[in-house]
Protein backbone atom coordinates (compact mmCIF):
# COMPACT_ATOMS: atom_id res chain seq x y z
CA MET A 1 -19.26 1.64 -1.37
CA GLU A 2 -21.60 -0.11 1.06
CA LYS A 3 -20.07 -1.24 4.35
CA PHE A 4 -21.61 -4.01 6.42
CA GLY A 5 -19.51 -3.64 9.56
CA ILE A 6 -15.97 -4.26 10.76
CA LEU A 7 -14.00 -7.19 12.13
CA ILE A 8 -11.17 -6.54 14.58
CA LEU A 9 -8.56 -9.29 14.74
CA GLY A 10 -6.67 -9.55 18.02
CA ASP A 11 -7.08 -8.59 21.66
CA ASP A 12 -5.77 -5.62 23.62
CA GLU A 13 -2.38 -7.30 24.10
CA ASP A 14 -1.94 -8.00 20.35
CA ASP A 15 -1.20 -5.91 17.29
CA GLN A 16 -4.72 -5.46 15.96
CA VAL A 17 -6.00 -5.50 12.39
CA GLU A 18 -9.31 -3.87 11.46
CA PHE A 19 -11.11 -5.27 8.41
CA SER A 20 -13.79 -3.08 6.84
CA LEU A 21 -16.46 -5.37 5.36
CA SER A 22 -17.34 -3.85 1.99
CA LYS A 23 -18.08 -7.09 0.14
CA PRO A 24 -20.99 -9.52 0.55
CA THR A 25 -18.84 -12.63 1.05
CA VAL A 26 -15.68 -12.82 3.19
CA GLU A 27 -13.59 -16.00 3.34
CA ILE A 28 -11.55 -16.79 6.47
CA GLY A 29 -8.89 -19.47 6.84
CA ARG A 30 -5.25 -20.47 6.79
CA ALA A 31 -4.78 -20.49 3.00
CA ALA A 32 -3.18 -17.41 1.44
CA LEU A 33 -6.15 -16.88 -0.91
CA ASN A 34 -8.61 -16.10 1.89
CA ASP A 35 -9.77 -12.53 2.50
CA ILE A 36 -8.66 -12.87 6.12
CA VAL A 37 -5.62 -15.13 6.53
CA LEU A 38 -5.02 -16.60 9.99
CA SER A 39 -1.63 -18.31 10.35
CA ASP A 40 -2.63 -20.88 12.97
CA HIS A 41 -2.28 -24.67 12.58
CA LYS A 42 -5.59 -25.13 14.44
CA ILE A 43 -7.41 -23.29 11.65
CA SER A 44 -8.49 -25.07 8.47
CA ARG A 45 -7.35 -23.81 5.08
CA SER A 46 -10.96 -22.77 4.37
CA HIS A 47 -12.38 -22.38 7.84
CA ALA A 48 -15.39 -20.03 7.78
CA ARG A 49 -17.31 -17.57 5.66
CA ILE A 50 -19.21 -14.37 6.45
CA GLU A 51 -22.15 -13.55 4.18
CA CYS A 52 -23.58 -10.03 4.35
CA ASP A 53 -26.61 -8.30 2.84
CA GLU A 54 -28.97 -5.50 3.77
CA THR A 55 -30.32 -7.58 6.69
CA GLY A 56 -26.91 -8.05 8.32
CA CYS A 57 -24.04 -10.56 8.40
CA THR A 58 -24.10 -14.32 8.99
CA LEU A 59 -21.09 -16.43 10.03
CA ILE A 60 -20.92 -19.95 8.55
CA ASP A 61 -18.50 -22.68 9.56
CA LEU A 62 -17.18 -24.53 6.48
CA GLY A 63 -16.78 -27.93 8.14
CA SER A 64 -13.58 -26.92 9.90
CA SER A 65 -11.68 -29.48 11.98
CA ASN A 66 -11.66 -27.47 15.22
CA GLY A 67 -14.88 -25.53 14.80
CA THR A 68 -16.01 -21.92 14.98
CA LEU A 69 -17.18 -20.32 18.24
CA VAL A 70 -19.34 -17.25 18.75
CA ASN A 71 -19.38 -15.92 22.33
CA GLY A 72 -18.02 -19.28 23.49
CA ASP A 73 -20.59 -21.48 21.71
CA ARG A 74 -19.67 -23.69 18.75
CA ILE A 75 -21.82 -22.85 15.74
CA ASP A 76 -22.53 -24.07 12.24
CA ARG A 77 -24.30 -20.84 11.29
CA ALA A 78 -24.97 -17.71 13.33
CA LYS A 79 -26.34 -14.22 12.72
CA LEU A 80 -23.79 -11.69 13.95
CA VAL A 81 -24.61 -8.70 16.11
CA PRO A 82 -22.23 -5.91 17.21
CA GLY A 83 -20.10 -7.01 20.15
CA ASP A 84 -19.96 -10.69 19.14
CA VAL A 85 -16.66 -12.41 19.83
CA ILE A 86 -15.64 -15.00 17.25
CA GLN A 87 -12.98 -17.62 17.97
CA LEU A 88 -11.27 -19.71 15.31
CA GLY A 89 -8.43 -21.82 16.67
CA GLY A 90 -6.31 -19.45 18.74
CA SER A 91 -7.50 -16.33 16.91
CA ILE A 92 -10.10 -13.88 18.23
CA LEU A 93 -12.22 -11.60 16.02
CA HIS A 94 -14.63 -8.92 17.26
CA PHE A 95 -17.61 -7.97 15.09
CA GLU A 96 -18.55 -4.31 15.43
CA GLU A 97 -20.59 -1.64 13.68
CA ILE A 98 -19.07 0.72 11.14
CA ALA A 99 -17.57 3.20 13.59
CA SER A 100 -14.22 1.78 14.66
CA LEU A 101 -12.15 2.46 17.75
CA GLN A 102 -10.37 5.79 17.89
CA ASP A 103 -6.97 5.46 16.29
CA PRO A 104 -4.93 8.54 17.25
CA GLU A 105 -2.29 9.69 14.79
CA MET A 106 0.00 11.06 17.52
CA THR A 107 0.26 9.66 21.03
CA MET A 108 2.24 10.71 24.08
CA LEU A 109 4.63 7.89 25.01
CA ASN A 110 6.35 8.45 28.35
CA THR A 111 6.40 4.90 29.72
CA GLU A 112 6.27 1.30 28.49
CA ALA A 113 2.67 1.24 29.74
CA ASP A 114 1.93 4.09 27.29
CA VAL A 115 3.45 2.03 24.49
CA ARG A 116 1.30 -0.99 25.40
CA ALA A 117 -1.82 1.19 25.58
CA SER A 118 -1.04 2.78 22.22
CA LEU A 119 -0.52 -0.61 20.59
CA ALA A 120 -3.89 -1.70 21.99
CA SER A 121 -5.68 1.30 20.45
CA THR A 122 -3.81 1.43 17.13
CA MET A 123 -4.59 -1.04 14.38
CA ILE A 124 -3.85 -1.95 10.80
CA ASN A 125 -6.72 -0.85 8.56
CA THR A 126 -7.65 -3.20 5.71
CA SER A 127 -10.60 -2.71 3.37
CA LEU A 128 -12.24 -5.91 2.12
CA ASN A 129 -13.81 -4.58 -1.06
CA ASP A 130 -16.32 -6.17 -3.40
CA VAL A 131 -14.52 -7.08 -6.62
CA SER A 132 -17.22 -9.32 -8.08
CA GLU A 133 -18.76 -6.63 -10.32
CA SER A 134 -17.06 -4.99 -13.30
CA ARG A 135 -16.23 -1.31 -12.82
CA ILE A 136 -14.12 1.57 -14.03
CA VAL A 137 -11.86 3.74 -11.89
CA ILE A 138 -11.42 7.33 -13.04
CA HIS A 139 -8.25 9.20 -12.07
CA THR A 140 -7.83 12.94 -12.60
CA LEU A 141 -5.51 15.51 -11.05
CA GLU A 142 -8.32 16.50 -8.69
CA LYS A 143 -9.63 13.12 -7.51
CA THR A 144 -10.06 9.40 -8.12
CA TRP A 145 -13.36 7.55 -7.98
CA GLU A 146 -15.01 4.30 -9.00
CA VAL A 147 -18.13 3.71 -11.09
CA PRO A 148 -19.77 0.26 -11.40
CA ILE A 149 -20.68 -0.64 -14.97
CA GLU A 150 -23.64 -2.85 -15.68
CA GLU A 151 -24.99 -4.32 -18.91
CA THR A 152 -26.31 -0.97 -20.06
CA SER A 153 -24.74 2.09 -21.68
CA LEU A 154 -22.63 4.62 -19.81
CA LEU A 155 -22.11 8.04 -21.43
CA ILE A 156 -18.92 10.05 -20.80
CA GLY A 157 -18.55 13.75 -21.63
CA ARG A 158 -18.94 17.40 -20.61
CA ASP A 159 -22.73 17.42 -20.99
CA PRO A 160 -24.36 17.40 -17.52
CA ALA A 161 -26.78 14.79 -18.83
CA CYS A 162 -23.93 12.27 -19.25
CA ASP A 163 -23.47 9.50 -16.68
CA ILE A 164 -19.83 10.50 -16.09
CA VAL A 165 -19.10 14.22 -16.39
CA PHE A 166 -15.65 15.85 -16.50
CA ASP A 167 -15.03 19.57 -16.37
CA ASP A 168 -12.39 19.41 -19.08
CA ILE A 169 -12.43 21.58 -22.21
CA ARG A 170 -10.70 18.80 -24.16
CA LEU A 171 -13.78 16.60 -23.81
CA SER A 172 -16.63 16.75 -26.26
CA ARG A 173 -20.10 17.18 -24.81
CA ARG A 174 -20.85 13.53 -25.59
CA HIS A 175 -17.38 12.06 -25.87
CA ALA A 176 -17.55 8.26 -25.50
CA GLU A 177 -19.87 5.44 -24.47
CA ILE A 178 -19.29 2.15 -22.65
CA VAL A 179 -21.81 -0.58 -23.44
CA GLY A 180 -22.10 -3.91 -21.64
CA LYS A 181 -23.77 -7.04 -23.00
CA GLU A 182 -23.51 -10.63 -21.72
CA GLY A 183 -20.40 -9.81 -19.69
CA ILE A 184 -18.56 -8.13 -22.56
CA PHE A 185 -17.89 -4.38 -22.34
CA THR A 186 -17.13 -2.19 -25.33
CA ILE A 187 -16.06 1.45 -25.43
CA ARG A 188 -17.01 3.52 -28.46
CA ASP A 189 -15.79 6.99 -29.34
CA LEU A 190 -18.70 9.29 -30.28
CA GLN A 191 -16.77 11.20 -32.94
CA SER A 192 -15.13 13.35 -30.30
CA THR A 193 -12.80 16.18 -31.28
CA ASN A 194 -9.74 15.02 -29.31
CA GLY A 195 -10.37 11.28 -29.36
CA THR A 196 -10.42 8.30 -27.05
CA TRP A 197 -7.06 6.59 -26.58
CA ILE A 198 -5.90 3.12 -25.46
CA ASP A 199 -2.23 2.03 -25.59
CA GLN A 200 -1.35 5.35 -27.23
CA LYS A 201 -3.69 4.57 -30.14
CA ARG A 202 -6.81 6.51 -31.01
CA ILE A 203 -9.75 4.11 -31.14
CA ASP A 204 -13.24 4.21 -32.62
CA LYS A 205 -14.41 1.02 -30.92
CA HIS A 206 -12.64 -1.35 -28.56
CA VAL A 207 -13.62 -4.46 -26.57
CA LEU A 208 -12.31 -3.85 -23.05
CA ILE A 209 -10.05 -6.36 -21.34
CA ASP A 210 -9.08 -6.36 -17.68
CA SER A 211 -6.78 -3.45 -16.70
CA ASP A 212 -7.19 -1.58 -20.00
CA GLU A 213 -6.30 2.07 -19.45
CA ILE A 214 -8.36 4.63 -21.38
CA LEU A 215 -7.22 8.21 -21.89
CA ILE A 216 -9.95 10.83 -22.35
CA GLY A 217 -8.82 14.43 -22.00
CA LYS A 218 -6.91 14.70 -18.74
CA ALA A 219 -8.66 11.68 -17.23
CA ARG A 220 -7.18 8.20 -17.05
CA ILE A 221 -9.79 5.45 -16.77
CA VAL A 222 -8.93 1.88 -15.75
CA PHE A 223 -11.33 -0.95 -16.61
CA LYS A 224 -11.55 -3.68 -13.98
CA ARG A 225 -13.39 -6.89 -14.80
CA GLY A 226 -15.30 -8.39 -11.90
CA PHE A 227 -13.94 -11.71 -10.63
CA ARG A 228 -14.59 -14.46 -8.11
CA GLN A 229 -12.15 -15.36 -5.34
CA GLU A 230 -11.14 -18.62 -7.01
CA GLU A 231 -10.03 -16.73 -10.12
CA LEU A 232 -7.03 -15.43 -8.20
CA THR A 233 -5.38 -18.82 -8.72
CA PHE A 234 -3.81 -19.94 -11.97
CA VAL A 235 -5.47 -23.15 -13.12
CA ALA A 236 -3.46 -25.99 -14.63
CA SER A 237 -5.10 -25.71 -18.06
CA MET A 238 -3.82 -22.14 -18.40
CA MET A 239 -0.35 -23.11 -17.18
CA LYS A 240 0.22 -25.06 -20.41
CA LYS A 241 0.27 -21.78 -22.32
CA ILE A 242 3.24 -20.45 -20.36
CA PRO A 243 6.51 -22.45 -20.36
CA ARG A 244 7.83 -20.92 -17.14
CA HIS A 245 7.12 -18.30 -14.54
CA ARG A 246 8.54 -14.84 -14.90
CA PRO A 247 11.14 -14.55 -12.10
CA VAL A 248 9.98 -12.12 -9.42
CA VAL A 249 11.99 -10.08 -6.91
CA PHE A 250 9.92 -8.55 -4.10
CA VAL A 251 11.34 -5.48 -2.36
CA PRO A 252 9.56 -4.52 0.90
CA GLY A 253 9.25 -1.02 2.31
CA PHE A 254 10.55 0.85 5.34
CA MET A 255 10.90 -1.51 8.32
CA GLY A 256 9.90 -4.44 6.10
CA SER A 257 13.11 -6.43 6.61
CA GLN A 258 14.28 -8.28 9.70
CA LEU A 259 17.44 -6.84 11.28
CA TRP A 260 19.74 -8.98 13.40
CA ARG A 261 22.73 -8.24 15.61
CA GLY A 262 24.45 -11.58 15.93
CA SER A 263 21.86 -14.02 17.32
CA GLU A 264 19.53 -11.23 18.52
CA ARG A 265 16.69 -10.04 16.31
CA VAL A 266 16.52 -6.30 16.90
CA TRP A 267 13.74 -5.71 14.37
CA PRO A 268 10.79 -6.28 14.35
CA ASN A 269 10.62 -5.72 18.10
CA VAL A 270 8.53 -2.66 18.90
CA ARG A 271 8.98 -2.75 22.66
CA LEU A 272 12.77 -3.03 22.27
CA MET A 273 12.67 -0.14 19.80
CA PHE A 274 11.08 2.13 22.41
CA SER A 275 13.01 0.88 25.44
CA GLN A 276 16.45 0.67 23.76
CA PRO A 277 16.20 2.67 20.51
CA GLU A 278 19.95 3.31 20.49
CA ILE A 279 20.39 -0.28 19.24
CA LEU A 280 19.19 0.91 15.83
CA ARG A 281 20.96 4.26 15.86
CA ILE A 282 23.46 5.00 13.10
CA PRO A 283 26.39 4.58 13.44
CA ASP A 284 25.68 1.08 14.78
CA SER A 285 26.49 0.10 18.34
CA GLY A 286 27.31 -3.29 16.80
CA PRO A 287 27.12 -4.85 13.32
CA ILE A 288 23.52 -5.22 12.13
CA GLU A 289 22.48 -7.25 9.09
CA PRO A 290 19.18 -7.94 7.29
CA ARG A 291 17.95 -11.54 7.27
CA GLY A 292 14.62 -12.11 5.52
CA ILE A 293 11.51 -10.00 5.21
CA VAL A 294 9.13 -9.32 8.11
CA GLU A 295 6.61 -12.11 8.75
CA GLU A 296 4.30 -10.41 11.21
CA VAL A 297 2.02 -7.40 11.58
CA VAL A 298 4.04 -4.32 12.52
CA ILE A 299 2.67 -1.27 14.35
CA VAL A 300 4.97 1.50 15.56
CA PRO A 301 2.87 4.18 17.31
CA ASN A 302 3.14 7.61 15.64
CA LEU A 303 5.07 6.15 12.70
CA LEU A 304 4.06 2.95 10.91
CA LYS A 305 1.26 0.43 10.37
CA GLN A 306 1.72 -2.46 7.97
CA ASP A 307 0.37 -5.96 7.38
CA VAL A 308 2.47 -9.12 7.05
CA TYR A 309 4.89 -8.64 4.15
CA SER A 310 5.44 -12.36 3.62
CA ARG A 311 1.77 -12.73 2.60
CA LEU A 312 2.48 -11.34 -0.84
CA GLY A 313 4.97 -14.15 -1.42
CA ASP A 314 2.54 -16.66 0.10
CA TYR A 315 -0.04 -15.65 -2.51
CA LEU A 316 2.43 -16.04 -5.37
CA VAL A 317 3.35 -19.51 -4.06
CA GLU A 318 -0.14 -20.81 -3.31
CA GLY A 319 -2.07 -18.96 -6.00
CA LEU A 320 0.31 -18.80 -8.94
CA GLY A 321 2.66 -21.72 -8.35
CA TYR A 322 5.85 -19.80 -7.58
CA GLU A 323 8.63 -21.32 -5.50
CA ARG A 324 10.72 -19.29 -3.07
CA GLY A 325 14.39 -19.40 -3.96
CA LYS A 326 13.68 -20.67 -7.48
CA ASP A 327 11.57 -18.06 -9.26
CA LEU A 328 10.52 -15.90 -6.28
CA PHE A 329 13.12 -13.93 -4.33
CA GLU A 330 12.46 -11.62 -1.39
CA PHE A 331 15.11 -8.94 -1.01
CA ALA A 332 15.83 -7.99 2.60
CA TYR A 333 17.85 -4.83 3.14
CA ASP A 334 18.83 -2.48 5.94
CA PHE A 335 16.07 0.11 5.55
CA ARG A 336 17.91 2.59 7.78
CA LEU A 337 20.64 3.21 5.24
CA ASP A 338 20.95 5.47 2.22
CA VAL A 339 18.67 4.12 -0.53
CA ARG A 340 21.69 4.03 -2.84
CA THR A 341 23.51 1.67 -0.47
CA SER A 342 20.51 -0.66 -0.41
CA ALA A 343 20.30 -0.56 -4.22
CA ARG A 344 23.95 -1.64 -4.47
CA LYS A 345 23.22 -4.51 -2.10
CA MET A 346 20.40 -5.42 -4.47
CA ILE A 347 22.93 -5.88 -7.30
CA GLU A 348 24.89 -8.32 -5.14
CA ALA A 349 21.76 -10.24 -4.11
CA ILE A 350 20.45 -10.63 -7.67
CA ASP A 351 23.91 -11.73 -8.88
CA ASP A 352 24.17 -14.25 -6.02
CA TRP A 353 20.72 -15.63 -6.80
CA ASN A 354 21.79 -16.10 -10.43
CA ILE A 355 18.30 -15.25 -11.68
CA ASP A 356 17.52 -15.69 -15.34
CA SER A 357 16.52 -12.44 -17.04
CA PRO A 358 14.15 -10.84 -17.61
CA ILE A 359 13.02 -10.10 -14.05
CA THR A 360 9.81 -8.55 -12.74
CA ILE A 361 10.30 -6.43 -9.62
CA ILE A 362 7.39 -5.88 -7.23
CA ALA A 363 8.16 -3.20 -4.67
CA HIS A 364 6.29 -1.46 -1.87
CA SER A 365 6.81 2.02 -0.39
CA LEU A 366 10.53 2.72 0.26
CA GLY A 367 11.32 -0.40 -1.77
CA CYS A 368 10.03 1.46 -4.84
CA LEU A 369 12.87 3.99 -4.52
CA VAL A 370 15.46 1.25 -3.96
CA SER A 371 14.23 -0.57 -7.09
CA ARG A 372 14.10 2.56 -9.23
CA TYR A 373 17.66 3.50 -8.29
CA TYR A 374 18.85 -0.03 -9.07
CA ILE A 375 17.21 0.16 -12.50
CA GLU A 376 18.09 3.72 -13.47
CA ARG A 377 21.55 4.18 -11.98
CA LEU A 378 23.06 0.71 -11.49
CA GLY A 379 22.27 -1.10 -14.73
CA GLY A 380 19.19 -2.95 -13.57
CA ASP A 381 17.33 -1.94 -16.73
CA SER A 382 19.27 -4.64 -18.60
CA LYS A 383 17.76 -7.34 -16.37
CA VAL A 384 14.31 -6.00 -15.49
CA GLU A 385 11.42 -6.22 -17.96
CA ARG A 386 8.69 -4.85 -15.72
CA LEU A 387 8.44 -2.80 -12.53
CA ILE A 388 5.34 -2.94 -10.33
CA LEU A 389 5.28 -0.19 -7.70
CA LEU A 390 2.87 -0.38 -4.74
CA GLY A 391 2.37 2.88 -2.84
CA GLY A 392 5.58 4.46 -4.13
CA PRO A 393 6.74 7.68 -2.40
CA HIS A 394 7.82 9.16 -5.73
CA SER A 395 7.39 12.73 -4.49
CA GLY A 396 7.94 11.92 -0.84
CA ILE A 397 5.74 11.40 2.21
CA PRO A 398 4.50 14.52 4.06
CA HIS A 399 3.45 12.29 6.97
CA ILE A 400 7.12 11.59 7.74
CA LEU A 401 7.53 15.18 8.93
CA LYS A 402 5.82 14.11 12.14
CA THR A 403 9.07 12.28 12.88
CA PHE A 404 11.15 15.48 12.87
CA HIS A 405 10.19 17.07 16.20
CA VAL A 406 11.02 20.58 14.96
CA GLY A 407 10.34 23.76 16.95
CA ARG A 408 9.45 24.41 20.58
CA ASN A 409 6.47 22.50 21.97
CA LEU A 410 5.75 21.09 18.49
CA LEU A 411 4.47 17.53 18.10
CA PRO A 412 5.22 16.38 21.67
CA LEU A 413 5.83 12.62 21.59
CA GLY A 414 6.70 11.95 25.23
CA ILE A 415 9.99 10.68 26.67
CA LEU A 416 10.06 7.33 24.86
CA GLY A 417 8.70 8.86 21.68
CA ASP A 418 11.43 11.49 21.69
CA ARG A 419 14.11 8.85 22.27
CA LEU A 420 12.83 6.92 19.27
CA ARG A 421 12.74 10.11 17.18
CA GLU A 422 16.35 10.84 18.09
CA THR A 423 17.26 7.44 16.63
CA LEU A 424 15.08 7.74 13.52
CA VAL A 425 16.68 11.04 12.48
CA THR A 426 20.02 9.23 12.18
CA PHE A 427 18.58 7.13 9.31
CA PRO A 428 19.57 8.56 5.89
CA SER A 429 16.52 6.90 4.31
CA ILE A 430 14.14 9.04 6.40
CA TYR A 431 15.42 12.18 4.67
CA GLN A 432 15.16 10.58 1.23
CA ILE A 433 11.38 10.21 1.57
CA LEU A 434 10.81 13.86 2.52
CA PRO A 435 8.37 15.63 0.17
CA THR A 436 10.03 16.94 -2.99
CA TYR A 437 7.08 19.15 -3.93
CA ALA A 438 5.71 22.34 -2.35
CA SER A 439 4.21 20.69 0.71
CA VAL A 440 5.01 23.25 3.43
CA ILE A 441 3.57 26.79 3.48
CA ASP A 442 4.54 29.45 6.03
CA GLN A 443 2.44 32.21 7.56
CA ASP A 444 3.24 34.53 4.64
CA GLY A 445 2.06 32.04 2.04
CA LYS A 446 5.63 31.22 1.02
CA TYR A 447 6.34 27.64 -0.02
CA ILE A 448 9.33 25.99 1.63
CA ASN A 449 11.51 23.56 -0.35
CA LEU A 450 12.47 21.11 2.38
CA LEU A 451 15.42 19.68 0.45
CA LYS A 452 16.99 23.07 -0.35
CA ASP A 453 16.09 25.18 2.69
CA ASP A 454 17.81 23.39 5.58
CA SER A 455 17.07 26.07 8.20
CA TRP A 456 14.27 23.94 9.62
CA LEU A 457 16.74 21.28 10.79
CA PRO A 458 19.43 21.33 13.50
CA GLU A 459 22.96 21.68 12.12
CA ILE A 460 23.85 18.08 12.99
CA GLN A 461 21.12 16.73 10.70
CA ARG A 462 21.83 18.89 7.66
CA PRO A 463 24.42 16.53 6.07
CA TYR A 464 21.65 13.92 5.81
CA LEU A 465 19.53 16.46 3.97
CA ARG A 466 22.34 17.12 1.50
CA GLN A 467 22.58 13.38 0.86
CA ALA A 468 18.85 13.26 0.24
CA ARG A 469 19.08 16.16 -2.20
CA GLU A 470 21.87 14.39 -4.09
CA PHE A 471 19.84 11.18 -4.20
CA ARG A 472 16.78 12.92 -5.64
CA GLN A 473 18.92 14.69 -8.24
CA GLU A 474 20.37 11.36 -9.34
CA LEU A 475 17.01 9.58 -9.53
CA LYS A 476 15.11 10.13 -12.77
CA LYS A 477 11.47 11.15 -12.55
CA THR A 478 10.48 8.47 -15.06
CA SER A 479 11.27 4.79 -15.56
CA SER A 480 13.25 3.25 -18.41
CA VAL A 481 11.33 -0.04 -18.13
CA PRO A 482 7.54 -0.58 -18.40
CA THR A 483 6.10 0.38 -15.02
CA ILE A 484 2.77 0.20 -13.20
CA SER A 485 1.95 2.56 -10.33
CA ILE A 486 -0.51 0.83 -7.98
CA PHE A 487 -1.80 3.28 -5.41
CA GLY A 488 -4.52 3.72 -2.81
CA TYR A 489 -7.16 6.42 -3.11
CA GLY A 490 -10.05 8.02 -1.26
CA ILE A 491 -8.55 7.81 2.26
CA LYS A 492 -7.66 10.86 4.35
CA THR A 493 -3.91 11.51 3.94
CA ILE A 494 -1.61 14.33 5.01
CA SER A 495 -0.58 16.23 1.88
CA GLN A 496 0.60 19.65 3.10
CA LEU A 497 1.67 21.50 6.23
CA GLN A 498 0.80 25.07 7.19
CA ILE A 499 3.48 26.35 9.56
CA HIS A 500 4.48 29.50 11.42
CA ARG A 501 8.19 30.19 11.72
CA ASP A 502 10.11 32.82 13.62
CA ARG A 503 12.82 35.15 12.31
CA ASN A 504 15.42 32.36 12.68
CA GLY A 505 13.35 29.98 10.58
CA THR A 506 12.36 27.80 13.54
CA TRP A 507 8.90 26.27 13.25
CA GLN A 508 6.61 27.36 16.08
CA ASN A 509 3.41 25.53 15.22
CA VAL A 510 2.00 23.39 12.44
CA GLU A 511 -1.33 22.48 10.90
CA PHE A 512 -1.64 19.36 8.79
CA ILE A 513 -3.77 19.58 5.63
CA ASP A 514 -5.39 16.44 4.29
CA ALA A 515 -6.11 15.21 0.78
CA PRO A 516 -7.20 11.82 -0.59
CA GLY A 517 -4.64 9.02 -0.69
CA ASP A 518 -3.82 5.72 1.03
CA ASP A 519 -3.36 7.28 4.52
CA ARG A 520 0.38 7.80 3.89
CA ILE A 521 0.90 8.67 0.20
CA PRO A 522 -1.33 11.36 -1.38
CA GLU A 523 -2.94 10.33 -4.68
CA SER A 524 -1.39 13.31 -6.44
CA THR A 525 2.16 12.10 -5.69
CA ALA A 526 1.75 8.32 -6.03
CA VAL A 527 1.95 8.02 -9.82
CA LEU A 528 5.37 7.80 -11.45
CA LYS A 529 5.42 9.91 -14.61
CA GLY A 530 4.93 7.82 -17.74
CA SER A 531 3.73 4.71 -15.91
CA GLU A 532 0.49 2.79 -16.21
CA ILE A 533 -1.84 3.20 -13.24
CA HIS A 534 -3.95 0.90 -11.10
CA PRO A 535 -5.87 2.74 -8.33
CA VAL A 536 -7.34 0.66 -5.47
CA GLN A 537 -9.42 1.53 -2.42
CA GLN A 538 -6.90 0.38 0.15
CA HIS A 539 -4.65 1.59 2.97
CA HIS A 540 -0.89 1.94 2.46
CA GLY A 541 0.10 -0.84 4.85
CA SER A 542 -2.31 -3.33 3.26
CA LEU A 543 -1.80 -2.71 -0.46
CA PHE A 544 0.22 -5.91 -0.90
CA VAL A 545 -2.55 -8.14 0.55
CA ASP A 546 -5.41 -6.55 -1.43
CA ASN A 547 -7.36 -8.87 -3.78
CA ASP A 548 -7.68 -6.20 -6.45
CA VAL A 549 -3.88 -5.88 -6.40
CA ARG A 550 -3.45 -9.66 -6.47
CA MET A 551 -5.54 -9.89 -9.63
CA ARG A 552 -3.41 -7.22 -11.31
CA LEU A 553 -0.26 -9.12 -10.28
CA LYS A 554 -1.70 -12.30 -11.73
CA LEU A 555 -2.47 -10.58 -15.03
CA GLU A 556 1.01 -9.07 -15.24
CA LEU A 557 2.94 -12.20 -14.26
CA MET A 558 0.95 -14.66 -16.37
CA ARG A 559 0.42 -12.66 -19.54
CA ASP A 560 1.66 -14.04 -22.89
């Protein structure tokens, strides 16, 4: 996918967000439907636009009230060059070439100055992708990739002369063909031996509609119709077809809920987390309770990067006409605790809200496990009609092993980093997102089951591991309600660890092995068995603000 450059939102003292410009038109403003949303009352709802082509990028002011500045000068239209500083209201954007600033995965943190420096060099990564053209996304066990489809024919099969070739003995040499004409795309089976399947039905010919999933051999192919930005809203004429909104409960991920101790907000507060991490240690130094989801960018060096969770709800409100507290509910929970405890709190919250069934749950990351436990073990399947999982850690997160400073001189995090780690390893939820598959290999080629072999952990932490093992045994590997797995692909992601351990089982050194994913969840582990799929080219911490994802949410929530 062509990239025109990057925009970096924020200065060295701010949490920074890096936007990769992979689409020809980028809208900027205060409204939730913009590609880049700036929550600043000095910024107009539709403030500015960036138009890019092979000659470069041009910034255009859209008649904003307070204007657009480039390098201090107010402009109506300006050609951008690397190094330009753009100011809209109180927000600063830096336009740069493709190569972004170095973003180290692990940083030594010995002082508060180290924390500030790390925050200045670490940023949220968001891909602004072109969704205007129709395309298919092909997902196999080996990889996931996208192919644009134009108003011509596209042959699929084992024959090397085909446009899309799979090395799969279940495919015929010329298996199927996709043909486009006047914006309508049709798939036709070419009398293949094993067939072309949609909705568990073998088809001869089928007119594709947005998000159709095609099964050919081992490959799963998702059709995505191209759309314009304005199509993300639900127009009044269509509203007449639907008597009411489907009630939605949004469940954020790890560190996605605000935590308060009395009148003090202890999370999100990154500097407090590093300077006084014991505040969050379990057992609590004082009663802590969740109050609302996080409404700001969150970066925790060496651990977490995520965009503003409340923006998903903002889109549902502004784009689809939802109303918070009426048909949209955001479930805040104490993410430190056992997932099962959070799921039980979810029962209480849904009962208190008195939501009419059936409910659609949208969940991200750790919230996917909370939601699945609620549905499968606590009777939620009687109230939930659809489950939409964004970046679910269904088989765990290998990246989280960086949190468990195991072995001598392994993964040095510095004084403040170690103090934070000592707090994190008191969270039961951390153990419940450990990889459940063969993700660790020792020097003899032996795979280590992290949930069964507890020799890699200090004795004091092993009860948490037993709890995690019990949780995974209780949680089914499938869903009893219709489910969609939305996941990121094509981004370097830790998938395995190669380690050396001594005769006592202590890890002496480690090498991280990468595979494609969303930078946190490998593709191979992100799909819940039996679910529909929707792959997107996006980072884990930005899945819930992605336009491709928004369109899928619109289709799911507003379908007949």
